[in-house]
Amino acid sequence: MKIIGKANRTERRIRRHLRVRKKVTGTIERPRLVVYRSLKHMTAQLVDDVQGHTLMTVSDGKFTGTKSERSAAVGKALAERAREAGITKVVFDRAGYQYHGRVKAVADGAREGGLEF
């Protein structure tokens, strides 16, 4: 019998992300809005999974305020750029993170900016 070690926090998040990715795909008409959360920063991307292209990326490097305020600003900035590109509907991919705090702030900022989930 082989003993399998415990998965660490990152491995568990990746498993959750893969489980969600089985069901969530982005197209050119409705791209996937995926978030990445590090300890200091937040990044959001619009991805077309059919062609395998990243359409646009926004990071919180140029914004000021608390981490949650910067995350909301990332969502608004991404929504503004998406509307300029003619994208109004997206599929939200939380990337295995809880829909809480900064991840929720990105989603709320994108909704305020005019994106439909």
PDB file of N, CA and C in Angstrom:
ATOM      1  N   MET A   1       0.840  -1.181   0.000  1.00  0.00           N
ATOM      2  CA  MET A   1       0.000   0.000   0.000  1.00  0.00           C
ATOM      3  C   MET A   1       0.886   1.245   0.000  1.00  0.00           C
ATOM      4  N   LYS A   2       0.577   2.171  -0.879  1.00  0.00           N
ATOM      5  CA  LYS A   2       1.357   3.384  -1.002  1.00  0.00           C
ATOM      6  C   LYS A   2       0.676   4.518  -0.236  1.00  0.00           C
ATOM      7  N   ILE A   3       1.447   5.241   0.550  1.00  0.00           N
ATOM      8  CA  ILE A   3       0.905   6.373   1.310  1.00  0.00           C
ATOM      9  C   ILE A   3       1.004   7.614   0.429  1.00  0.00           C
ATOM     10  N   ILE A   4      -0.104   8.272   0.264  1.00  0.00           N
ATOM     11  CA  ILE A   4      -0.142   9.482  -0.545  1.00  0.00           C
ATOM     12  C   ILE A   4      -0.121  10.675   0.394  1.00  0.00           C
ATOM     13  N   GLY A   5       0.805  11.598   0.150  1.00  0.00           N
ATOM     14  CA  GLY A   5       0.935  12.766   1.011  1.00  0.00           C
ATOM     15  C   GLY A   5      -0.201  13.751   0.815  1.00  0.00           C
ATOM     16  N   LYS A   6      -0.355  14.618   1.769  1.00  0.00           N
ATOM     17  CA  LYS A   6      -1.374  15.652   1.688  1.00  0.00           C
ATOM     18  C   LYS A   6      -1.023  16.661   0.605  1.00  0.00           C
ATOM     19  N   ALA A   7      -2.025  17.131  -0.090  1.00  0.00           N
ATOM     20  CA  ALA A   7      -1.814  18.181  -1.074  1.00  0.00           C
ATOM     21  C   ALA A   7      -1.730  19.515  -0.352  1.00  0.00           C
ATOM     22  N   ASN A   8      -0.810  20.357  -0.773  1.00  0.00           N
ATOM     23  CA  ASN A   8      -0.714  21.657  -0.137  1.00  0.00           C
ATOM     24  C   ASN A   8      -1.774  22.599  -0.703  1.00  0.00           C
ATOM     25  N   ARG A   9      -1.798  23.792  -0.200  1.00  0.00           N
ATOM     26  CA  ARG A   9      -2.847  24.752  -0.557  1.00  0.00           C
ATOM     27  C   ARG A   9      -2.877  25.050  -2.049  1.00  0.00           C
ATOM     28  N   THR A  10      -1.704  25.225  -2.658  1.00  0.00           N
ATOM     29  CA  THR A  10      -1.644  25.537  -4.081  1.00  0.00           C
ATOM     30  C   THR A  10      -2.141  24.370  -4.920  1.00  0.00           C
ATOM     31  N   GLU A  11      -1.760  23.156  -4.569  1.00  0.00           N
ATOM     32  CA  GLU A  11      -2.211  21.983  -5.316  1.00  0.00           C
ATOM     33  C   GLU A  11      -3.724  21.815  -5.220  1.00  0.00           C
ATOM     34  N   ARG A  12      -4.282  22.080  -4.047  1.00  0.00           N
ATOM     35  CA  ARG A  12      -5.743  21.978  -3.893  1.00  0.00           C
ATOM     36  C   ARG A  12      -6.447  23.022  -4.747  1.00  0.00           C
ATOM     37  N   ARG A  13      -5.894  24.252  -4.809  1.00  0.00           N
ATOM     38  CA  ARG A  13      -6.492  25.291  -5.643  1.00  0.00           C
ATOM     39  C   ARG A  13      -6.426  24.903  -7.107  1.00  0.00           C
ATOM     40  N   ILE A  14      -5.309  24.352  -7.540  1.00  0.00           N
ATOM     41  CA  ILE A  14      -5.171  23.943  -8.939  1.00  0.00           C
ATOM     42  C   ILE A  14      -6.166  22.841  -9.276  1.00  0.00           C
ATOM     43  N   ARG A  15      -6.377  21.897  -8.363  1.00  0.00           N
ATOM     44  CA  ARG A  15      -7.381  20.848  -8.595  1.00  0.00           C
ATOM     45  C   ARG A  15      -8.781  21.450  -8.753  1.00  0.00           C
ATOM     46  N   ARG A  16      -9.103  22.408  -7.863  1.00  0.00           N
ATOM     47  CA  ARG A  16     -10.415  23.054  -7.975  1.00  0.00           C
ATOM     48  C   ARG A  16     -10.529  23.787  -9.296  1.00  0.00           C
ATOM     49  N   HIS A  17      -9.453  24.461  -9.713  1.00  0.00           N
ATOM     50  CA  HIS A  17      -9.472  25.206 -10.964  1.00  0.00           C
ATOM     51  C   HIS A  17      -9.696  24.266 -12.143  1.00  0.00           C
ATOM     52  N   LEU A  18      -9.020  23.133 -12.165  1.00  0.00           N
ATOM     53  CA  LEU A  18      -9.196  22.180 -13.254  1.00  0.00           C
ATOM     54  C   LEU A  18     -10.608  21.609 -13.267  1.00  0.00           C
ATOM     55  N   ARG A  19     -11.179  21.401 -12.098  1.00  0.00           N
ATOM     56  CA  ARG A  19     -12.539  20.882 -12.013  1.00  0.00           C
ATOM     57  C   ARG A  19     -13.532  21.884 -12.611  1.00  0.00           C
ATOM     58  N   VAL A  20     -13.320  23.167 -12.353  1.00  0.00           N
ATOM     59  CA  VAL A  20     -14.191  24.207 -12.902  1.00  0.00           C
ATOM     60  C   VAL A  20     -13.944  24.358 -14.405  1.00  0.00           C
ATOM     61  N   ARG A  21     -12.684  24.236 -14.824  1.00  0.00           N
ATOM     62  CA  ARG A  21     -12.329  24.447 -16.232  1.00  0.00           C
ATOM     63  C   ARG A  21     -12.916  23.382 -17.147  1.00  0.00           C
ATOM     64  N   LYS A  22     -13.316  22.226 -16.589  1.00  0.00           N
ATOM     65  CA  LYS A  22     -13.982  21.215 -17.409  1.00  0.00           C
ATOM     66  C   LYS A  22     -15.308  21.740 -17.958  1.00  0.00           C
ATOM     67  N   LYS A  23     -15.923  22.645 -17.205  1.00  0.00           N
ATOM     68  CA  LYS A  23     -17.252  23.129 -17.565  1.00  0.00           C
ATOM     69  C   LYS A  23     -17.237  24.529 -18.160  1.00  0.00           C
ATOM     70  N   VAL A  24     -16.237  25.350 -17.833  1.00  0.00           N
ATOM     71  CA  VAL A  24     -16.214  26.751 -18.242  1.00  0.00           C
ATOM     72  C   VAL A  24     -15.223  26.936 -19.378  1.00  0.00           C
ATOM     73  N   THR A  25     -15.728  27.361 -20.537  1.00  0.00           N
ATOM     74  CA  THR A  25     -14.846  27.677 -21.659  1.00  0.00           C
ATOM     75  C   THR A  25     -15.239  29.031 -22.222  1.00  0.00           C
ATOM     76  N   GLY A  26     -14.272  29.710 -22.778  1.00  0.00           N
ATOM     77  CA  GLY A  26     -14.516  31.018 -23.361  1.00  0.00           C
ATOM     78  C   GLY A  26     -14.467  30.950 -24.878  1.00  0.00           C
ATOM     79  N   THR A  27     -15.300  31.733 -25.517  1.00  0.00           N
ATOM     80  CA  THR A  27     -15.306  31.835 -26.966  1.00  0.00           C
ATOM     81  C   THR A  27     -14.997  33.283 -27.339  1.00  0.00           C
ATOM     82  N   ILE A  28     -14.892  33.552 -28.619  1.00  0.00           N
ATOM     83  CA  ILE A  28     -14.607  34.922 -29.047  1.00  0.00           C
ATOM     84  C   ILE A  28     -15.798  35.834 -28.742  1.00  0.00           C
ATOM     85  N   GLU A  29     -17.031  35.291 -28.813  1.00  0.00           N
ATOM     86  CA  GLU A  29     -18.215  36.101 -28.506  1.00  0.00           C
ATOM     87  C   GLU A  29     -18.377  36.299 -27.005  1.00  0.00           C
ATOM     88  N   ARG A  30     -18.017  35.272 -26.230  1.00  0.00           N
ATOM     89  CA  ARG A  30     -18.165  35.315 -24.773  1.00  0.00           C
ATOM     90  C   ARG A  30     -16.892  34.749 -24.135  1.00  0.00           C
ATOM     91  N   PRO A  31     -15.842  35.573 -24.019  1.00  0.00           N
ATOM     92  CA  PRO A  31     -14.574  35.076 -23.484  1.00  0.00           C
ATOM     93  C   PRO A  31     -14.639  34.781 -21.988  1.00  0.00           C
ATOM     94  N   ARG A  32     -13.645  34.071 -21.535  1.00  0.00           N
ATOM     95  CA  ARG A  32     -13.536  33.698 -20.125  1.00  0.00           C
ATOM     96  C   ARG A  32     -12.739  34.770 -19.396  1.00  0.00           C
ATOM     97  N   LEU A  33     -13.320  35.328 -18.326  1.00  0.00           N
ATOM     98  CA  LEU A  33     -12.629  36.305 -17.485  1.00  0.00           C
ATOM     99  C   LEU A  33     -12.015  35.520 -16.336  1.00  0.00           C
ATOM    100  N   VAL A  34     -10.705  35.355 -16.370  1.00  0.00           N
ATOM    101  CA  VAL A  34     -10.011  34.580 -15.352  1.00  0.00           C
ATOM    102  C   VAL A  34      -9.191  35.519 -14.474  1.00  0.00           C
ATOM    103  N   VAL A  35      -9.202  35.258 -13.166  1.00  0.00           N
ATOM    104  CA  VAL A  35      -8.475  36.100 -12.221  1.00  0.00           C
ATOM    105  C   VAL A  35      -7.304  35.310 -11.649  1.00  0.00           C
ATOM    106  N   TYR A  36      -6.238  36.036 -11.330  1.00  0.00           N
ATOM    107  CA  TYR A  36      -5.109  35.459 -10.601  1.00  0.00           C
ATOM    108  C   TYR A  36      -4.840  36.352  -9.412  1.00  0.00           C
ATOM    109  N   ARG A  37      -4.751  35.734  -8.252  1.00  0.00           N
ATOM    110  CA  ARG A  37      -4.564  36.468  -7.008  1.00  0.00           C
ATOM    111  C   ARG A  37      -3.254  36.032  -6.371  1.00  0.00           C
ATOM    112  N   SER A  38      -2.325  36.964  -6.249  1.00  0.00           N
ATOM    113  CA  SER A  38      -1.111  36.677  -5.488  1.00  0.00           C
ATOM    114  C   SER A  38      -1.240  37.380  -4.143  1.00  0.00           C
ATOM    115  N   LEU A  39      -0.227  37.295  -3.334  1.00  0.00           N
ATOM    116  CA  LEU A  39      -0.317  37.928  -2.023  1.00  0.00           C
ATOM    117  C   LEU A  39      -0.399  39.440  -2.129  1.00  0.00           C
ATOM    118  N   LYS A  40       0.262  40.026  -3.138  1.00  0.00           N
ATOM    119  CA  LYS A  40       0.299  41.481  -3.255  1.00  0.00           C
ATOM    120  C   LYS A  40      -0.542  42.026  -4.397  1.00  0.00           C
ATOM    121  N   HIS A  41      -0.724  41.269  -5.465  1.00  0.00           N
ATOM    122  CA  HIS A  41      -1.326  41.815  -6.673  1.00  0.00           C
ATOM    123  C   HIS A  41      -2.509  40.995  -7.158  1.00  0.00           C
ATOM    124  N   MET A  42      -3.229  41.581  -8.111  1.00  0.00           N
ATOM    125  CA  MET A  42      -4.380  40.944  -8.733  1.00  0.00           C
ATOM    126  C   MET A  42      -4.281  41.162 -10.231  1.00  0.00           C
ATOM    127  N   THR A  43      -4.540  40.119 -11.000  1.00  0.00           N
ATOM    128  CA  THR A  43      -4.501  40.196 -12.452  1.00  0.00           C
ATOM    129  C   THR A  43      -5.773  39.578 -13.007  1.00  0.00           C
ATOM    130  N   ALA A  44      -6.323  40.177 -14.047  1.00  0.00           N
ATOM    131  CA  ALA A  44      -7.495  39.630 -14.715  1.00  0.00           C
ATOM    132  C   ALA A  44      -7.224  39.580 -16.214  1.00  0.00           C
ATOM    133  N   GLN A  45      -7.690  38.500 -16.850  1.00  0.00           N
ATOM    134  CA  GLN A  45      -7.486  38.319 -18.286  1.00  0.00           C
ATOM    135  C   GLN A  45      -8.786  37.915 -18.939  1.00  0.00           C
ATOM    136  N   LEU A  46      -8.921  38.266 -20.206  1.00  0.00           N
ATOM    137  CA  LEU A  46      -9.984  37.732 -21.046  1.00  0.00           C
ATOM    138  C   LEU A  46      -9.337  36.745 -22.005  1.00  0.00           C
ATOM    139  N   VAL A  47      -9.859  35.511 -22.025  1.00  0.00           N
ATOM    140  CA  VAL A  47      -9.240  34.436 -22.788  1.00  0.00           C
ATOM    141  C   VAL A  47     -10.261  33.818 -23.736  1.00  0.00           C
ATOM    142  N   ASP A  48      -9.843  33.606 -24.984  1.00  0.00           N
ATOM    143  CA  ASP A  48     -10.613  32.847 -25.970  1.00  0.00           C
ATOM    144  C   ASP A  48     -10.023  31.440 -25.999  1.00  0.00           C
ATOM    145  N   ASP A  49     -10.730  30.469 -25.402  1.00  0.00           N
ATOM    146  CA  ASP A  49     -10.204  29.115 -25.303  1.00  0.00           C
ATOM    147  C   ASP A  49     -10.286  28.349 -26.618  1.00  0.00           C
ATOM    148  N   VAL A  50     -11.168  28.741 -27.507  1.00  0.00           N
ATOM    149  CA  VAL A  50     -11.305  28.051 -28.788  1.00  0.00           C
ATOM    150  C   VAL A  50     -10.029  28.225 -29.617  1.00  0.00           C
ATOM    151  N   GLN A  51      -9.540  29.445 -29.704  1.00  0.00           N
ATOM    152  CA  GLN A  51      -8.322  29.717 -30.457  1.00  0.00           C
ATOM    153  C   GLN A  51      -7.076  29.669 -29.575  1.00  0.00           C
ATOM    154  N   GLY A  52      -7.252  29.667 -28.254  1.00  0.00           N
ATOM    155  CA  GLY A  52      -6.116  29.617 -27.347  1.00  0.00           C
ATOM    156  C   GLY A  52      -5.380  30.938 -27.244  1.00  0.00           C
ATOM    157  N   HIS A  53      -6.124  32.059 -27.290  1.00  0.00           N
ATOM    158  CA  HIS A  53      -5.511  33.379 -27.239  1.00  0.00           C
ATOM    159  C   HIS A  53      -5.979  34.153 -26.008  1.00  0.00           C
ATOM    160  N   THR A  54      -5.060  34.915 -25.441  1.00  0.00           N
ATOM    161  CA  THR A  54      -5.413  35.876 -24.405  1.00  0.00           C
ATOM    162  C   THR A  54      -5.747  37.178 -25.108  1.00  0.00           C
ATOM    163  N   LEU A  55      -6.968  37.659 -24.919  1.00  0.00           N
ATOM    164  CA  LEU A  55      -7.421  38.853 -25.622  1.00  0.00           C
ATOM    165  C   LEU A  55      -6.901  40.128 -24.967  1.00  0.00           C
ATOM    166  N   MET A  56      -6.915  40.176 -23.645  1.00  0.00           N
ATOM    167  CA  MET A  56      -6.396  41.347 -22.938  1.00  0.00           C
ATOM    168  C   MET A  56      -6.100  40.984 -21.496  1.00  0.00           C
ATOM    169  N   THR A  57      -5.198  41.750 -20.896  1.00  0.00           N
ATOM    170  CA  THR A  57      -4.787  41.537 -19.517  1.00  0.00           C
ATOM    171  C   THR A  57      -4.725  42.884 -18.805  1.00  0.00           C
ATOM    172  N   VAL A  58      -5.192  42.913 -17.568  1.00  0.00           N
ATOM    173  CA  VAL A  58      -5.100  44.107 -16.737  1.00  0.00           C
ATOM    174  C   VAL A  58      -4.570  43.682 -15.376  1.00  0.00           C
ATOM    175  N   SER A  59      -3.589  44.419 -14.876  1.00  0.00           N
ATOM    176  CA  SER A  59      -3.013  44.149 -13.564  1.00  0.00           C
ATOM    177  C   SER A  59      -3.182  45.385 -12.688  1.00  0.00           C
ATOM    178  N   ASP A  60      -2.998  45.217 -11.389  1.00  0.00           N
ATOM    179  CA  ASP A  60      -3.254  46.326 -10.471  1.00  0.00           C
ATOM    180  C   ASP A  60      -2.014  47.162 -10.184  1.00  0.00           C
ATOM    181  N   GLY A  61      -0.976  47.051 -10.981  1.00  0.00           N
ATOM    182  CA  GLY A  61       0.265  47.768 -10.726  1.00  0.00           C
ATOM    183  C   GLY A  61       0.149  49.278 -10.781  1.00  0.00           C
ATOM    184  N   LYS A  62      -0.765  49.797 -11.590  1.00  0.00           N
ATOM    185  CA  LYS A  62      -0.855  51.253 -11.737  1.00  0.00           C
ATOM    186  C   LYS A  62      -1.942  51.895 -10.874  1.00  0.00           C
ATOM    187  N   PHE A  63      -2.665  51.094 -10.095  1.00  0.00           N
ATOM    188  CA  PHE A  63      -3.738  51.618  -9.258  1.00  0.00           C
ATOM    189  C   PHE A  63      -3.252  51.795  -7.824  1.00  0.00           C
ATOM    190  N   THR A  64      -3.938  52.662  -7.067  1.00  0.00           N
ATOM    191  CA  THR A  64      -3.583  52.889  -5.671  1.00  0.00           C
ATOM    192  C   THR A  64      -4.775  52.562  -4.785  1.00  0.00           C
ATOM    193  N   GLY A  65      -4.507  52.422  -3.507  1.00  0.00           N
ATOM    194  CA  GLY A  65      -5.553  52.129  -2.541  1.00  0.00           C
ATOM    195  C   GLY A  65      -5.299  50.787  -1.883  1.00  0.00           C
ATOM    196  N   THR A  66      -6.306  50.292  -1.183  1.00  0.00           N
ATOM    197  CA  THR A  66      -6.179  48.978  -0.561  1.00  0.00           C
ATOM    198  C   THR A  66      -6.218  47.913  -1.643  1.00  0.00           C
ATOM    199  N   LYS A  67      -5.903  46.687  -1.264  1.00  0.00           N
ATOM    200  CA  LYS A  67      -5.884  45.611  -2.249  1.00  0.00           C
ATOM    201  C   LYS A  67      -7.272  45.374  -2.850  1.00  0.00           C
ATOM    202  N   SER A  68      -8.311  45.507  -2.036  1.00  0.00           N
ATOM    203  CA  SER A  68      -9.674  45.324  -2.554  1.00  0.00           C
ATOM    204  C   SER A  68     -10.057  46.460  -3.501  1.00  0.00           C
ATOM    205  N   GLU A  69      -9.661  47.675  -3.171  1.00  0.00           N
ATOM    206  CA  GLU A  69      -9.958  48.813  -4.057  1.00  0.00           C
ATOM    207  C   GLU A  69      -9.221  48.673  -5.382  1.00  0.00           C
ATOM    208  N   ARG A  70      -7.975  48.229  -5.331  1.00  0.00           N
ATOM    209  CA  ARG A  70      -7.215  48.014  -6.561  1.00  0.00           C
ATOM    210  C   ARG A  70      -7.839  46.896  -7.392  1.00  0.00           C
ATOM    211  N   SER A  71      -8.348  45.858  -6.725  1.00  0.00           N
ATOM    212  CA  SER A  71      -8.980  44.750  -7.436  1.00  0.00           C
ATOM    213  C   SER A  71     -10.245  45.209  -8.151  1.00  0.00           C
ATOM    214  N   ALA A  72     -11.040  46.039  -7.486  1.00  0.00           N
ATOM    215  CA  ALA A  72     -12.239  46.580  -8.123  1.00  0.00           C
ATOM    216  C   ALA A  72     -11.860  47.453  -9.316  1.00  0.00           C
ATOM    217  N   ALA A  73     -10.779  48.210  -9.187  1.00  0.00           N
ATOM    218  CA  ALA A  73     -10.312  49.044 -10.294  1.00  0.00           C
ATOM    219  C   ALA A  73      -9.844  48.186 -11.466  1.00  0.00           C
ATOM    220  N   VAL A  74      -9.256  47.027 -11.184  1.00  0.00           N
ATOM    221  CA  VAL A  74      -8.854  46.100 -12.249  1.00  0.00           C
ATOM    222  C   VAL A  74     -10.086  45.634 -13.018  1.00  0.00           C
ATOM    223  N   GLY A  75     -11.151  45.285 -12.298  1.00  0.00           N
ATOM    224  CA  GLY A  75     -12.384  44.848 -12.955  1.00  0.00           C
ATOM    225  C   GLY A  75     -12.987  45.940 -13.822  1.00  0.00           C
ATOM    226  N   LYS A  76     -13.002  47.175 -13.311  1.00  0.00           N
ATOM    227  CA  LYS A  76     -13.548  48.294 -14.089  1.00  0.00           C
ATOM    228  C   LYS A  76     -12.709  48.576 -15.328  1.00  0.00           C
ATOM    229  N   ALA A  77     -11.384  48.557 -15.169  1.00  0.00           N
ATOM    230  CA  ALA A  77     -10.499  48.827 -16.306  1.00  0.00           C
ATOM    231  C   ALA A  77     -10.626  47.736 -17.370  1.00  0.00           C
ATOM    232  N   LEU A  78     -10.746  46.492 -16.940  1.00  0.00           N
ATOM    233  CA  LEU A  78     -10.913  45.399 -17.898  1.00  0.00           C
ATOM    234  C   LEU A  78     -12.237  45.534 -18.637  1.00  0.00           C
ATOM    235  N   ALA A  79     -13.286  45.907 -17.910  1.00  0.00           N
ATOM    236  CA  ALA A  79     -14.594  46.075 -18.543  1.00  0.00           C
ATOM    237  C   ALA A  79     -14.566  47.214 -19.554  1.00  0.00           C
ATOM    238  N   GLU A  80     -13.875  48.284 -19.227  1.00  0.00           N
ATOM    239  CA  GLU A  80     -13.784  49.419 -20.150  1.00  0.00           C
ATOM    240  C   GLU A  80     -13.059  49.024 -21.432  1.00  0.00           C
ATOM    241  N   ARG A  81     -11.928  48.332 -21.276  1.00  0.00           N
ATOM    242  CA  ARG A  81     -11.187  47.885 -22.462  1.00  0.00           C
ATOM    243  C   ARG A  81     -11.982  46.875 -23.273  1.00  0.00           C
ATOM    244  N   ALA A  82     -12.736  46.007 -22.587  1.00  0.00           N
ATOM    245  CA  ALA A  82     -13.544  45.000 -23.289  1.00  0.00           C
ATOM    246  C   ALA A  82     -14.665  45.656 -24.082  1.00  0.00           C
ATOM    247  N   ARG A  83     -15.296  46.673 -23.500  1.00  0.00           N
ATOM    248  CA  ARG A  83     -16.364  47.365 -24.232  1.00  0.00           C
ATOM    249  C   ARG A  83     -15.816  48.064 -25.457  1.00  0.00           C
ATOM    250  N   GLU A  84     -14.608  48.624 -25.362  1.00  0.00           N
ATOM    251  CA  GLU A  84     -13.984  49.249 -26.529  1.00  0.00           C
ATOM    252  C   GLU A  84     -13.719  48.225 -27.628  1.00  0.00           C
ATOM    253  N   ALA A  85     -13.459  46.973 -27.221  1.00  0.00           N
ATOM    254  CA  ALA A  85     -13.204  45.905 -28.187  1.00  0.00           C
ATOM    255  C   ALA A  85     -14.489  45.239 -28.659  1.00  0.00           C
ATOM    256  N   GLY A  86     -15.638  45.681 -28.131  1.00  0.00           N
ATOM    257  CA  GLY A  86     -16.921  45.139 -28.555  1.00  0.00           C
ATOM    258  C   GLY A  86     -17.370  43.912 -27.784  1.00  0.00           C
ATOM    259  N   ILE A  87     -16.799  43.673 -26.623  1.00  0.00           N
ATOM    260  CA  ILE A  87     -17.174  42.522 -25.800  1.00  0.00           C
ATOM    261  C   ILE A  87     -18.062  43.006 -24.673  1.00  0.00           C
ATOM    262  N   THR A  88     -19.253  42.420 -24.554  1.00  0.00           N
ATOM    263  CA  THR A  88     -20.175  42.823 -23.490  1.00  0.00           C
ATOM    264  C   THR A  88     -20.505  41.677 -22.542  1.00  0.00           C
ATOM    265  N   LYS A  89     -20.347  40.417 -22.985  1.00  0.00           N
ATOM    266  CA  LYS A  89     -20.670  39.259 -22.146  1.00  0.00           C
ATOM    267  C   LYS A  89     -19.422  38.412 -21.947  1.00  0.00           C
ATOM    268  N   VAL A  90     -19.237  37.956 -20.713  1.00  0.00           N
ATOM    269  CA  VAL A  90     -18.096  37.102 -20.388  1.00  0.00           C
ATOM    270  C   VAL A  90     -18.562  35.949 -19.507  1.00  0.00           C
ATOM    271  N   VAL A  91     -17.689  34.955 -19.359  1.00  0.00           N
ATOM    272  CA  VAL A  91     -17.886  33.852 -18.430  1.00  0.00           C
ATOM    273  C   VAL A  91     -16.845  34.040 -17.337  1.00  0.00           C
ATOM    274  N   PHE A  92     -17.259  34.063 -16.076  1.00  0.00           N
ATOM    275  CA  PHE A  92     -16.329  34.332 -14.979  1.00  0.00           C
ATOM    276  C   PHE A  92     -15.684  33.040 -14.513  1.00  0.00           C
ATOM    277  N   ASP A  93     -14.359  33.054 -14.413  1.00  0.00           N
ATOM    278  CA  ASP A  93     -13.586  31.922 -13.927  1.00  0.00           C
ATOM    279  C   ASP A  93     -12.807  32.385 -12.702  1.00  0.00           C
ATOM    280  N   ARG A  94     -13.184  31.898 -11.553  1.00  0.00           N
ATOM    281  CA  ARG A  94     -12.548  32.340 -10.311  1.00  0.00           C
ATOM    282  C   ARG A  94     -11.240  31.612 -10.041  1.00  0.00           C
ATOM    283  N   ALA A  95     -10.848  30.693 -10.901  1.00  0.00           N
ATOM    284  CA  ALA A  95      -9.547  30.007 -10.862  1.00  0.00           C
ATOM    285  C   ALA A  95      -9.308  29.236  -9.574  1.00  0.00           C
ATOM    286  N   GLY A  96     -10.344  28.670  -9.003  1.00  0.00           N
ATOM    287  CA  GLY A  96     -10.186  27.865  -7.799  1.00  0.00           C
ATOM    288  C   GLY A  96     -10.181  28.661  -6.512  1.00  0.00           C
ATOM    289  N   TYR A  97     -10.221  29.987  -6.604  1.00  0.00           N
ATOM    290  CA  TYR A  97     -10.277  30.816  -5.406  1.00  0.00           C
ATOM    291  C   TYR A  97     -11.728  30.923  -4.935  1.00  0.00           C
ATOM    292  N   GLN A  98     -11.911  31.224  -3.648  1.00  0.00           N
ATOM    293  CA  GLN A  98     -13.253  31.465  -3.144  1.00  0.00           C
ATOM    294  C   GLN A  98     -13.795  32.751  -3.760  1.00  0.00           C
ATOM    295  N   TYR A  99     -15.085  32.766  -4.055  1.00  0.00           N
ATOM    296  CA  TYR A  99     -15.724  33.979  -4.568  1.00  0.00           C
ATOM    297  C   TYR A  99     -15.972  34.881  -3.366  1.00  0.00           C
ATOM    298  N   HIS A 100     -14.906  35.581  -2.968  1.00  0.00           N
ATOM    299  CA  HIS A 100     -14.932  36.334  -1.724  1.00  0.00           C
ATOM    300  C   HIS A 100     -13.786  37.337  -1.773  1.00  0.00           C
ATOM    301  N   GLY A 101     -13.947  38.477  -1.153  1.00  0.00           N
ATOM    302  CA  GLY A 101     -12.855  39.435  -1.034  1.00  0.00           C
ATOM    303  C   GLY A 101     -12.429  40.032  -2.353  1.00  0.00           C
ATOM    304  N   ARG A 102     -11.145  39.863  -2.689  1.00  0.00           N
ATOM    305  CA  ARG A 102     -10.597  40.507  -3.890  1.00  0.00           C
ATOM    306  C   ARG A 102     -11.136  39.902  -5.173  1.00  0.00           C
ATOM    307  N   VAL A 103     -11.423  38.597  -5.171  1.00  0.00           N
ATOM    308  CA  VAL A 103     -11.985  37.961  -6.368  1.00  0.00           C
ATOM    309  C   VAL A 103     -13.380  38.528  -6.632  1.00  0.00           C
ATOM    310  N   LYS A 104     -14.159  38.669  -5.582  1.00  0.00           N
ATOM    311  CA  LYS A 104     -15.494  39.248  -5.715  1.00  0.00           C
ATOM    312  C   LYS A 104     -15.403  40.719  -6.123  1.00  0.00           C
ATOM    313  N   ALA A 105     -14.388  41.431  -5.643  1.00  0.00           N
ATOM    314  CA  ALA A 105     -14.212  42.840  -5.997  1.00  0.00           C
ATOM    315  C   ALA A 105     -13.922  42.991  -7.489  1.00  0.00           C
ATOM    316  N   VAL A 106     -13.151  42.102  -8.072  1.00  0.00           N
ATOM    317  CA  VAL A 106     -12.903  42.143  -9.520  1.00  0.00           C
ATOM    318  C   VAL A 106     -14.207  41.925 -10.272  1.00  0.00           C
ATOM    319  N   ALA A 107     -14.989  40.935  -9.851  1.00  0.00           N
ATOM    320  CA  ALA A 107     -16.265  40.646 -10.514  1.00  0.00           C
ATOM    321  C   ALA A 107     -17.223  41.828 -10.401  1.00  0.00           C
ATOM    322  N   ASP A 108     -17.317  42.418  -9.216  1.00  0.00           N
ATOM    323  CA  ASP A 108     -18.212  43.558  -9.026  1.00  0.00           C
ATOM    324  C   ASP A 108     -17.751  44.761  -9.845  1.00  0.00           C
ATOM    325  N   GLY A 109     -16.446  44.983  -9.896  1.00  0.00           N
ATOM    326  CA  GLY A 109     -15.916  46.076 -10.708  1.00  0.00           C
ATOM    327  C   GLY A 109     -16.193  45.875 -12.185  1.00  0.00           C
ATOM    328  N   ALA A 110     -16.095  44.634 -12.656  1.00  0.00           N
ATOM    329  CA  ALA A 110     -16.381  44.341 -14.061  1.00  0.00           C
ATOM    330  C   ALA A 110     -17.866  44.553 -14.359  1.00  0.00           C
ATOM    331  N   ARG A 111     -18.713  44.177 -13.408  1.00  0.00           N
ATOM    332  CA  ARG A 111     -20.160  44.391 -13.608  1.00  0.00           C
ATOM    333  C   ARG A 111     -20.470  45.882 -13.636  1.00  0.00           C
ATOM    334  N   GLU A 112     -19.850  46.656 -12.746  1.00  0.00           N
ATOM    335  CA  GLU A 112     -20.055  48.111 -12.740  1.00  0.00           C
ATOM    336  C   GLU A 112     -19.572  48.733 -14.043  1.00  0.00           C
ATOM    337  N   GLY A 113     -18.513  48.160 -14.612  1.00  0.00           N
ATOM    338  CA  GLY A 113     -17.977  48.658 -15.861  1.00  0.00           C
ATOM    339  C   GLY A 113     -18.815  48.303 -17.082  1.00  0.00           C
ATOM    340  N   GLY A 114     -19.813  47.428 -16.901  1.00  0.00           N
ATOM    341  CA  GLY A 114     -20.716  47.132 -17.996  1.00  0.00           C
ATOM    342  C   GLY A 114     -20.644  45.721 -18.567  1.00  0.00           C
ATOM    343  N   LEU A 115     -19.861  44.834 -17.958  1.00  0.00           N
ATOM    344  CA  LEU A 115     -19.810  43.461 -18.450  1.00  0.00           C
ATOM    345  C   LEU A 115     -20.942  42.639 -17.860  1.00  0.00           C
ATOM    346  N   GLU A 116     -21.474  41.719 -18.654  1.00  0.00           N
ATOM    347  CA  GLU A 116     -22.520  40.809 -18.200  1.00  0.00           C
ATOM    348  C   GLU A 116     -21.913  39.441 -17.978  1.00  0.00           C
ATOM    349  N   PHE A 117     -22.255  38.812 -16.846  1.00  0.00           N
ATOM    350  CA  PHE A 117     -21.778  37.468 -16.560  1.00  0.00           C
ATOM    351  C   PHE A 117     -22.866  36.470 -16.855  1.00  0.00           C
TER     352      PHE A 117
END
